[in-house]
Amino acid sequence: MKGDAPHSTLHTCVVCMLTGKCRDRCVTPSAPNSSPSTAASASDPRNKSSTCPGSTGDRGSHDQAEVILKFSSPSWYEMVAQSHHLEDTYLNYSYLIEKQARDICMKEFVSNESCHNFGQRTVLYADGDSDGEVSQSEFSNMFSLLMQREFFMLLALNDSESTLDILGYCGGFYAVQKIKYPSSEVFGSDDHILDVLPTFVLDDISEILAPALGQYGEHAAKYLDHNFRQVRVPGWQERVDFINQTFGILYDFSSQYGTAVRCCDSHLGNYGISDTGRVKYIDMDAVMSTNAALLDLSYRQCQTDEDCGIEHYEDCSSTCDEERGRCRDVMKQDDLHNFCTSTMSPVLLDRTVVSDLGVDKKLFKQVTQLVRECEGLPLFTTVEEFREKGILYVWNKFNRILRAYKTVQ
């Protein structure tokens, strides 16, 4: 790939991906469990993840699916253009990409069996033309993508229902499913118009609207008020369902490759809700294994605690050992703490829950106490403790509170 070749090739690929008319040109990975000799064709419905939006995968048809097209990074051109000097010019590129993928996975997860399987799956994704072999250009393309954190994590967790589906890739671009409803827009309370209005205005909004709407004032005001508040304030059961699904994501992320996966930028806006109501984690830029996060911190030099954060993310931060001048390999909080603060609290303890939804004050108080208890839980040092004594403890207690309240009713 020299000169303008990457740009012209990418232009063809991107147009191909967006139109869906690319069955013979785009990267369509073989079925993950198939051998090279029995690899599924581009139109074979056995394909789990196909670059062409018009192809069919195990998770349903993508014929009408909306996608988001992402570009790995500007450095992709430099990486893919670099020649890969190999000791043996006849080296099998299928073997090489499997080895590279396994090595990258081991640095992240330190799990021999899981990373071995990931390496084998990567070979199938790299084999863009499904001819049973990985060419040098296919190797270079896949290797450059694996070096980008978001793509690597999406591919590593592509079997998880908690993450976005990779629908395919082409050059430095890759397509993921589009989630229409960011949770921050559904449950967030950052409506600045409402925030600056006095309380009495919010309480009497229909009475204020009525005179301005003339002869149809009373009925129109009630209609607008009802629909305005309906969009503004999601129901209690909707909030409960969302929290239960996000607990499921947290548990799922604690079960990957034998270690917990950390979300270093944990906030409500990083969850999204699909048309079917499925909640997914939608931003993988700051997602990494606990192993990788702690290793990153342990190599950092510091003078104060402010020097001990991964990039600018407070959610994955440590404290400074001033005597050694290095960051400690123990984080100040885990994903459960962050989840309770940045997700449970704004969704369940919003000011509208009691005033507008009519949630019983005793139930609200119990949920508030649970959130505060969750925020104060100790740091667990093992994955098993984190899952059992952390996530499952809070999740089960949350549902026990809800069941007890229904029984009393």
Protein backbone atom coordinates (compact mmCIF):
# COMPACT_ATOMS: atom_id res chain seq x y z
CA MET A 1 0.00 0.00 0.00
CA LYS A 2 1.88 3.07 -1.22
CA GLY A 3 1.12 6.61 -2.22
CA ASP A 4 -2.59 7.28 -2.58
CA ALA A 5 -3.57 3.65 -2.68
CA PRO A 6 -4.86 3.46 0.91
CA HIS A 7 -7.11 6.49 0.37
CA SER A 8 -8.65 5.23 -2.87
CA THR A 9 -9.11 1.75 -1.46
CA LEU A 10 -10.74 3.11 1.68
CA HIS A 11 -13.06 5.32 -0.35
CA THR A 12 -14.27 2.29 -2.28
CA CYS A 13 -14.64 0.26 0.90
CA VAL A 14 -16.50 2.96 2.83
CA VAL A 15 -18.98 3.55 0.01
CA CYS A 16 -19.35 -0.20 -0.22
CA MET A 17 -20.07 -0.55 3.51
CA LEU A 18 -22.59 2.28 3.61
CA THR A 19 -24.55 1.10 0.57
CA GLY A 20 -24.45 -2.56 1.47
CA LYS A 21 -23.49 -3.46 -2.14
CA CYS A 22 -20.23 -5.07 -1.28
CA ARG A 23 -20.63 -8.78 -0.90
CA ASP A 24 -17.63 -9.53 -3.09
CA ARG A 25 -15.39 -6.72 -1.85
CA CYS A 26 -15.77 -6.11 1.87
CA VAL A 27 -14.33 -7.92 4.85
CA THR A 28 -16.73 -10.66 5.88
CA PRO A 29 -15.29 -12.88 8.61
CA SER A 30 -15.92 -16.60 8.53
CA ALA A 31 -18.15 -18.22 11.10
CA PRO A 32 -16.11 -18.26 14.35
CA ASN A 33 -16.34 -22.04 14.74
CA SER A 34 -15.71 -22.98 11.13
CA SER A 35 -12.42 -24.21 9.78
CA PRO A 36 -10.81 -22.41 6.81
CA SER A 37 -11.90 -25.15 4.44
CA THR A 38 -15.54 -24.82 5.50
CA ALA A 39 -15.63 -21.04 5.93
CA ALA A 40 -19.03 -19.50 5.23
CA SER A 41 -19.42 -17.28 2.20
CA ALA A 42 -20.24 -13.57 2.43
CA SER A 43 -23.94 -14.22 2.03
CA ASP A 44 -24.02 -17.23 4.34
CA PRO A 45 -26.29 -16.54 7.33
CA ARG A 46 -23.88 -18.46 9.56
CA ASN A 47 -21.62 -15.41 9.59
CA LYS A 48 -21.86 -13.78 13.00
CA SER A 49 -20.23 -10.49 12.05
CA SER A 50 -20.27 -9.25 8.50
CA THR A 51 -18.88 -5.99 7.22
CA CYS A 52 -21.67 -5.53 4.70
CA PRO A 53 -24.70 -4.05 6.46
CA GLY A 54 -26.84 -6.09 4.08
CA SER A 55 -25.46 -9.42 5.28
CA THR A 56 -27.10 -11.59 7.88
CA GLY A 57 -25.46 -12.60 11.16
CA ASP A 58 -26.34 -14.70 14.16
CA ARG A 59 -27.71 -11.64 15.95
CA GLY A 60 -30.29 -10.92 13.28
CA SER A 61 -30.52 -9.29 9.88
CA HIS A 62 -28.66 -6.04 9.27
CA ASP A 63 -30.51 -5.23 6.03
CA GLN A 64 -32.15 -2.15 7.49
CA ALA A 65 -29.76 -1.61 10.40
CA GLU A 66 -28.28 1.80 11.02
CA VAL A 67 -24.56 1.73 11.68
CA ILE A 68 -21.91 4.05 13.04
CA LEU A 69 -18.73 4.15 11.00
CA LYS A 70 -15.64 4.69 13.14
CA PHE A 71 -12.09 5.46 12.12
CA SER A 72 -9.46 3.82 14.30
CA SER A 73 -7.03 6.77 14.38
CA PRO A 74 -5.04 9.04 12.04
CA SER A 75 -1.96 6.94 12.83
CA TRP A 76 -3.57 3.95 11.12
CA TYR A 77 -2.16 5.01 7.73
CA GLU A 78 1.36 5.07 9.15
CA MET A 79 0.99 1.75 10.91
CA VAL A 80 -0.48 -0.14 7.96
CA ALA A 81 2.08 1.35 5.56
CA GLN A 82 5.02 0.18 7.65
CA SER A 83 6.67 -2.88 6.20
CA HIS A 84 6.66 -5.87 8.54
CA HIS A 85 10.16 -7.34 8.35
CA LEU A 86 9.87 -11.08 8.78
CA GLU A 87 12.75 -13.47 9.24
CA ASP A 88 11.09 -16.00 6.95
CA THR A 89 9.54 -14.52 3.82
CA TYR A 90 7.39 -17.64 3.50
CA LEU A 91 5.98 -17.31 7.03
CA ASN A 92 2.33 -18.17 7.27
CA TYR A 93 0.46 -14.89 7.89
CA SER A 94 -2.45 -16.78 9.40
CA TYR A 95 -0.10 -18.10 12.05
CA LEU A 96 1.48 -14.69 12.50
CA ILE A 97 -1.77 -12.78 13.10
CA GLU A 98 -2.93 -15.53 15.47
CA LYS A 99 0.30 -15.17 17.45
CA GLN A 100 0.15 -11.36 17.48
CA ALA A 101 -3.50 -11.38 18.59
CA ARG A 102 -2.76 -13.92 21.32
CA ASP A 103 0.20 -11.87 22.56
CA ILE A 104 -1.85 -8.64 22.67
CA CYS A 105 -4.59 -10.50 24.52
CA MET A 106 -2.13 -11.96 27.03
CA LYS A 107 -0.77 -8.52 27.87
CA GLU A 108 -4.33 -7.38 28.53
CA PHE A 109 -5.94 -10.39 30.20
CA VAL A 110 -3.19 -12.91 31.13
CA SER A 111 -5.45 -15.86 30.30
CA ASN A 112 -3.82 -18.64 28.26
CA GLU A 113 -6.89 -20.56 27.17
CA SER A 114 -9.10 -17.55 26.46
CA CYS A 115 -6.35 -15.72 24.59
CA HIS A 116 -5.56 -18.83 22.57
CA ASN A 117 -9.21 -18.90 21.48
CA PHE A 118 -9.11 -15.16 20.75
CA GLY A 119 -6.09 -15.67 18.50
CA GLN A 120 -7.91 -18.36 16.52
CA ARG A 121 -11.02 -16.18 16.15
CA THR A 122 -8.89 -13.25 14.99
CA VAL A 123 -7.55 -15.34 12.10
CA LEU A 124 -11.12 -15.77 10.84
CA TYR A 125 -11.82 -12.04 11.14
CA ALA A 126 -8.54 -11.20 9.37
CA ASP A 127 -9.31 -13.49 6.43
CA GLY A 128 -11.32 -10.84 4.59
CA ASP A 129 -11.93 -12.74 1.36
CA SER A 130 -12.66 -16.03 3.18
CA ASP A 131 -10.16 -17.95 1.07
CA GLY A 132 -8.79 -19.81 4.10
CA GLU A 133 -5.53 -17.86 4.21
CA VAL A 134 -4.46 -14.48 5.58
CA SER A 135 -2.45 -12.42 3.10
CA GLN A 136 0.24 -9.90 4.07
CA SER A 137 -2.12 -6.97 3.43
CA GLU A 138 -4.86 -8.64 5.51
CA PHE A 139 -2.34 -9.26 8.27
CA SER A 140 -1.17 -5.62 8.22
CA ASN A 141 -4.75 -4.34 8.24
CA MET A 142 -5.88 -6.49 11.17
CA PHE A 143 -2.70 -5.94 13.17
CA SER A 144 -3.04 -2.15 12.87
CA LEU A 145 -6.66 -2.34 14.05
CA LEU A 146 -5.76 -4.56 17.01
CA MET A 147 -3.37 -1.86 18.18
CA GLN A 148 -6.34 0.48 18.67
CA ARG A 149 -7.85 -0.04 22.12
CA GLU A 150 -11.51 0.38 21.23
CA PHE A 151 -11.38 -2.02 18.29
CA PHE A 152 -9.40 -4.59 20.27
CA MET A 153 -11.83 -4.49 23.21
CA LEU A 154 -14.87 -4.67 20.93
CA LEU A 155 -13.40 -7.67 19.13
CA ALA A 156 -12.33 -9.34 22.38
CA LEU A 157 -15.82 -8.86 23.85
CA ASN A 158 -17.76 -9.36 20.62
CA ASP A 159 -19.50 -12.45 21.99
CA SER A 160 -20.90 -10.40 24.86
CA GLU A 161 -24.46 -9.06 24.65
CA SER A 162 -23.29 -6.08 26.72
CA THR A 163 -21.23 -4.48 23.94
CA LEU A 164 -21.92 -3.11 20.48
CA ASP A 165 -21.84 -5.59 17.62
CA ILE A 166 -18.96 -5.15 15.19
CA LEU A 167 -20.64 -5.37 11.80
CA GLY A 168 -17.33 -5.37 9.97
CA TYR A 169 -14.28 -3.36 9.02
CA CYS A 170 -12.59 -1.95 5.96
CA GLY A 171 -9.11 -0.51 6.12
CA GLY A 172 -8.93 1.78 9.15
CA PHE A 173 -12.71 2.02 9.35
CA TYR A 174 -15.01 -0.30 11.23
CA ALA A 175 -18.78 -0.36 11.52
CA VAL A 176 -20.72 -0.92 14.74
CA GLN A 177 -24.44 -1.01 15.39
CA LYS A 178 -26.02 2.34 16.11
CA ILE A 179 -27.79 2.78 19.43
CA LYS A 180 -30.41 5.49 19.09
CA TYR A 181 -31.03 6.30 22.73
CA PRO A 182 -28.10 7.32 24.95
CA SER A 183 -29.13 6.75 28.54
CA SER A 184 -28.10 10.26 29.53
CA GLU A 185 -30.80 11.61 27.22
CA VAL A 186 -33.42 9.23 28.60
CA PHE A 187 -32.66 9.52 32.31
CA GLY A 188 -30.48 12.60 32.53
CA SER A 189 -31.75 15.67 34.33
CA ASP A 190 -29.62 18.19 32.49
CA ASP A 191 -32.50 20.03 30.85
CA HIS A 192 -31.27 23.57 31.36
CA ILE A 193 -34.65 25.12 30.59
CA LEU A 194 -36.24 23.23 33.48
CA ASP A 195 -33.32 23.80 35.79
CA VAL A 196 -33.60 27.58 35.61
CA LEU A 197 -37.37 27.63 36.08
CA PRO A 198 -38.66 28.21 39.60
CA THR A 199 -40.39 25.28 41.29
CA PHE A 200 -43.81 26.93 41.17
CA VAL A 201 -43.53 27.16 37.38
CA LEU A 202 -42.91 23.42 37.10
CA ASP A 203 -45.79 22.70 39.45
CA ASP A 204 -48.24 24.93 37.57
CA ILE A 205 -47.01 24.53 34.01
CA SER A 206 -50.43 23.57 32.61
CA GLU A 207 -52.05 26.63 34.22
CA ILE A 208 -49.35 28.86 32.76
CA LEU A 209 -49.73 27.37 29.27
CA ALA A 210 -53.54 27.56 29.16
CA PRO A 211 -54.02 31.37 28.74
CA ALA A 212 -51.38 31.48 26.01
CA LEU A 213 -53.20 28.87 23.93
CA GLY A 214 -56.51 30.70 23.55
CA GLN A 215 -59.82 28.86 23.26
CA TYR A 216 -58.11 25.49 23.14
CA GLY A 217 -55.99 26.40 26.13
CA GLU A 218 -57.22 24.00 28.78
CA HIS A 219 -57.16 20.80 26.72
CA ALA A 220 -54.00 21.72 24.81
CA ALA A 221 -52.17 22.69 27.96
CA LYS A 222 -53.01 19.39 29.63
CA TYR A 223 -51.91 17.48 26.52
CA LEU A 224 -48.60 19.36 26.24
CA ASP A 225 -47.96 19.12 29.95
CA HIS A 226 -48.63 15.35 29.97
CA ASN A 227 -46.41 14.62 26.97
CA PHE A 228 -43.71 17.04 28.05
CA ARG A 229 -43.48 15.39 31.45
CA GLN A 230 -43.73 11.92 29.89
CA VAL A 231 -40.59 12.55 27.87
CA ARG A 232 -38.95 14.38 30.73
CA VAL A 233 -39.62 11.82 33.47
CA PRO A 234 -39.22 8.09 32.69
CA GLY A 235 -41.40 5.82 34.81
CA TRP A 236 -40.19 4.02 37.92
CA GLN A 237 -40.42 0.55 36.35
CA GLU A 238 -38.43 1.80 33.35
CA ARG A 239 -35.74 2.97 35.73
CA VAL A 240 -35.74 -0.33 37.62
CA ASP A 241 -35.45 -2.34 34.37
CA PHE A 242 -32.57 -0.16 33.23
CA ILE A 243 -30.67 -0.57 36.51
CA ASN A 244 -31.16 -4.34 36.46
CA GLN A 245 -29.75 -4.50 32.93
CA THR A 246 -26.77 -2.33 33.83
CA PHE A 247 -26.09 -4.58 36.83
CA GLY A 248 -26.02 -7.39 34.27
CA ILE A 249 -23.43 -5.51 32.21
CA LEU A 250 -21.30 -4.94 35.30
CA TYR A 251 -21.47 -8.64 36.15
CA ASP A 252 -20.74 -9.61 32.54
CA PHE A 253 -17.67 -7.37 32.49
CA SER A 254 -16.45 -9.03 35.70
CA SER A 255 -16.59 -12.43 34.01
CA GLN A 256 -14.39 -11.88 30.95
CA TYR A 257 -11.15 -13.79 30.45
CA GLY A 258 -10.94 -14.59 34.17
CA THR A 259 -10.54 -10.97 35.22
CA ALA A 260 -12.68 -7.89 35.65
CA VAL A 261 -12.92 -5.38 32.83
CA ARG A 262 -12.64 -1.79 34.06
CA CYS A 263 -14.67 1.09 32.64
CA CYS A 264 -12.41 4.04 33.38
CA ASP A 265 -14.91 6.60 32.10
CA SER A 266 -18.05 5.44 33.88
CA HIS A 267 -21.08 7.66 33.50
CA LEU A 268 -24.69 7.48 32.38
CA GLY A 269 -23.89 8.66 28.85
CA ASN A 270 -21.79 5.57 28.13
CA TYR A 271 -24.85 3.33 28.21
CA GLY A 272 -27.34 3.17 25.36
CA ILE A 273 -30.74 1.60 24.83
CA SER A 274 -31.58 -0.19 21.58
CA ASP A 275 -34.95 -0.21 19.83
CA THR A 276 -35.69 -3.53 21.53
CA GLY A 277 -34.93 -2.11 24.98
CA ARG A 278 -31.57 -3.83 25.32
CA VAL A 279 -29.01 -1.81 27.31
CA LYS A 280 -25.43 -1.85 26.02
CA TYR A 281 -22.15 -0.21 26.95
CA ILE A 282 -21.41 2.01 23.97
CA ASP A 283 -18.01 3.68 24.50
CA MET A 284 -15.04 1.33 24.74
CA ASP A 285 -12.24 3.92 24.45
CA ALA A 286 -11.50 3.78 28.18
CA VAL A 287 -12.32 0.11 28.80
CA MET A 288 -9.46 -2.17 29.84
CA SER A 289 -8.79 -5.17 32.01
CA THR A 290 -7.98 -4.67 35.67
CA ASN A 291 -4.62 -6.33 35.00
CA ALA A 292 -3.72 -3.80 32.32
CA ALA A 293 -4.94 -0.85 34.40
CA LEU A 294 -2.93 -1.84 37.48
CA LEU A 295 0.17 -2.53 35.39
CA ASP A 296 -0.16 0.91 33.79
CA LEU A 297 -0.42 2.57 37.21
CA SER A 298 2.49 0.64 38.74
CA TYR A 299 4.90 2.04 36.14
CA ARG A 300 3.86 5.66 36.63
CA GLN A 301 6.15 8.01 38.50
CA CYS A 302 4.46 10.45 40.83
CA GLN A 303 4.86 13.22 43.35
CA THR A 304 1.21 13.54 44.37
CA ASP A 305 -2.01 11.54 43.98
CA GLU A 306 -2.94 13.72 41.02
CA ASP A 307 -0.20 12.03 39.01
CA CYS A 308 -1.80 8.61 39.51
CA GLY A 309 -4.64 8.47 37.03
CA ILE A 310 -4.95 6.63 33.72
CA GLU A 311 -5.04 9.47 31.24
CA HIS A 312 -7.56 11.95 32.70
CA TYR A 313 -9.98 9.38 34.09
CA GLU A 314 -10.61 9.67 37.83
CA ASP A 315 -12.49 6.36 37.78
CA CYS A 316 -9.23 4.44 37.30
CA SER A 317 -6.90 6.25 39.67
CA SER A 318 -4.55 5.27 42.43
CA THR A 319 -2.54 7.01 45.15
CA CYS A 320 1.09 8.03 45.16
CA ASP A 321 3.69 6.24 47.23
CA GLU A 322 5.81 9.32 47.83
CA GLU A 323 8.73 7.39 49.28
CA ARG A 324 9.09 5.28 46.14
CA GLY A 325 7.91 8.02 43.80
CA ARG A 326 5.57 5.57 42.09
CA CYS A 327 1.83 5.01 41.98
CA ARG A 328 0.44 2.16 44.04
CA ASP A 329 -1.03 -0.79 42.16
CA VAL A 330 -4.32 -0.55 44.07
CA MET A 331 -7.11 1.67 42.79
CA LYS A 332 -9.07 4.09 44.96
CA GLN A 333 -12.40 2.67 43.81
CA ASP A 334 -13.78 -0.09 41.60
CA ASP A 335 -16.46 -0.17 38.92
CA LEU A 336 -19.19 -0.98 41.44
CA HIS A 337 -18.44 2.19 43.41
CA ASN A 338 -18.44 4.19 40.19
CA PHE A 339 -21.65 2.54 39.02
CA CYS A 340 -23.51 3.36 42.23
CA THR A 341 -22.36 6.98 42.11
CA SER A 342 -22.69 7.76 38.42
CA THR A 343 -25.56 5.48 37.33
CA MET A 344 -27.72 4.21 40.20
CA SER A 345 -27.83 7.55 41.95
CA PRO A 346 -28.99 9.78 39.05
CA VAL A 347 -31.48 7.19 37.75
CA LEU A 348 -33.09 6.11 41.03
CA LEU A 349 -32.53 9.12 43.28
CA ASP A 350 -33.52 11.85 40.85
CA ARG A 351 -35.60 14.65 42.37
CA THR A 352 -38.59 13.69 40.20
CA VAL A 353 -38.87 10.11 41.50
CA VAL A 354 -40.99 11.05 44.52
CA SER A 355 -42.54 14.31 43.33
CA ASP A 356 -43.60 13.28 39.82
CA LEU A 357 -43.65 9.48 39.88
CA GLY A 358 -45.27 9.11 43.25
CA VAL A 359 -42.73 6.56 44.49
CA ASP A 360 -43.32 5.77 48.14
CA LYS A 361 -40.98 7.74 50.39
CA LYS A 362 -40.10 4.63 52.42
CA LEU A 363 -39.04 2.78 49.25
CA PHE A 364 -37.07 5.82 48.10
CA LYS A 365 -35.32 5.96 51.49
CA GLN A 366 -34.38 2.27 51.36
CA VAL A 367 -32.96 2.61 47.84
CA THR A 368 -31.04 5.71 48.94
CA GLN A 369 -29.53 3.78 51.85
CA LEU A 370 -28.54 0.95 49.50
CA VAL A 371 -26.80 3.34 47.10
CA ARG A 372 -24.89 4.90 49.99
CA GLU A 373 -23.96 1.43 51.30
CA CYS A 374 -22.76 0.48 47.84
CA GLU A 375 -20.58 3.57 47.61
CA GLY A 376 -18.97 2.64 50.94
CA LEU A 377 -18.19 -1.03 50.23
CA PRO A 378 -14.54 -2.08 50.58
CA LEU A 379 -12.28 -2.74 47.63
CA PHE A 380 -12.27 -6.44 46.80
CA THR A 381 -8.94 -7.92 45.74
CA THR A 382 -10.19 -10.95 43.80
CA VAL A 383 -12.62 -11.29 40.91
CA GLU A 384 -14.69 -13.79 42.88
CA GLU A 385 -15.10 -11.44 45.84
CA PHE A 386 -15.89 -8.52 43.57
CA ARG A 387 -18.64 -10.50 41.87
CA GLU A 388 -20.10 -12.29 44.90
CA LYS A 389 -19.59 -9.83 47.77
CA GLY A 390 -19.84 -6.75 45.62
CA ILE A 391 -22.02 -6.88 42.51
CA LEU A 392 -24.34 -9.73 43.44
CA TYR A 393 -24.72 -8.50 47.01
CA VAL A 394 -25.95 -5.05 45.95
CA TRP A 395 -27.95 -6.36 42.97
CA ASN A 396 -29.78 -9.00 45.02
CA LYS A 397 -30.45 -6.58 47.86
CA PHE A 398 -31.88 -4.06 45.39
CA ASN A 399 -34.38 -6.63 44.10
CA ARG A 400 -35.22 -7.83 47.62
CA ILE A 401 -36.15 -4.27 48.54
CA LEU A 402 -38.41 -4.03 45.48
CA ARG A 403 -40.07 -7.40 46.19
CA ALA A 404 -40.64 -6.55 49.85
CA TYR A 405 -42.27 -3.27 48.89
CA LYS A 406 -44.61 -5.01 46.41
CA THR A 407 -45.57 -7.55 49.07
CA VAL A 408 -46.47 -4.78 51.53
CA GLN A 409 -48.61 -3.11 48.86
